[in-house]
Amino acid sequence: MDSCDNRAEGCSCKKTERPDELKRSLDGRLARIEGQVRGIRKMIESDAYCDDVMTQIAAARGALGKASLVVLEHHLKHCLIDHVRAGDDGIVDELLDSLAKNF
């Protein structure tokens, strides 16, 4: 039996320890993004003007992009450096693959 809780969500079994402050910051960002998406759904439901909806979608996309950059910064400054210092250069290829998929 697989002990990985994240596999069902499409995640690998790898873990990253994040400081509590970073977790709180990201959680706040994601909560605001979640609120933006709920607002967009309500706009669609209430037949809001297309340009207004697209503006809100762009704002949510920008907020997700910023959250992604915060995660990337932590990855570069901690995960990547630690692995490279330990002799695991494969993490660089992993990062490049991830950037190709996500940016």
Foldseek 3Di string as FASTA:
>chain_A
DDPQPCVVVVDDSDDDDDDPVLVVVLVVLVVVLVVLVVVLVVCVVVVHDPVVSVVSVVVSVVSVVVSVVSVVVCCVVPVCVVCVVVVNNVVVVVVVVVVVVPD
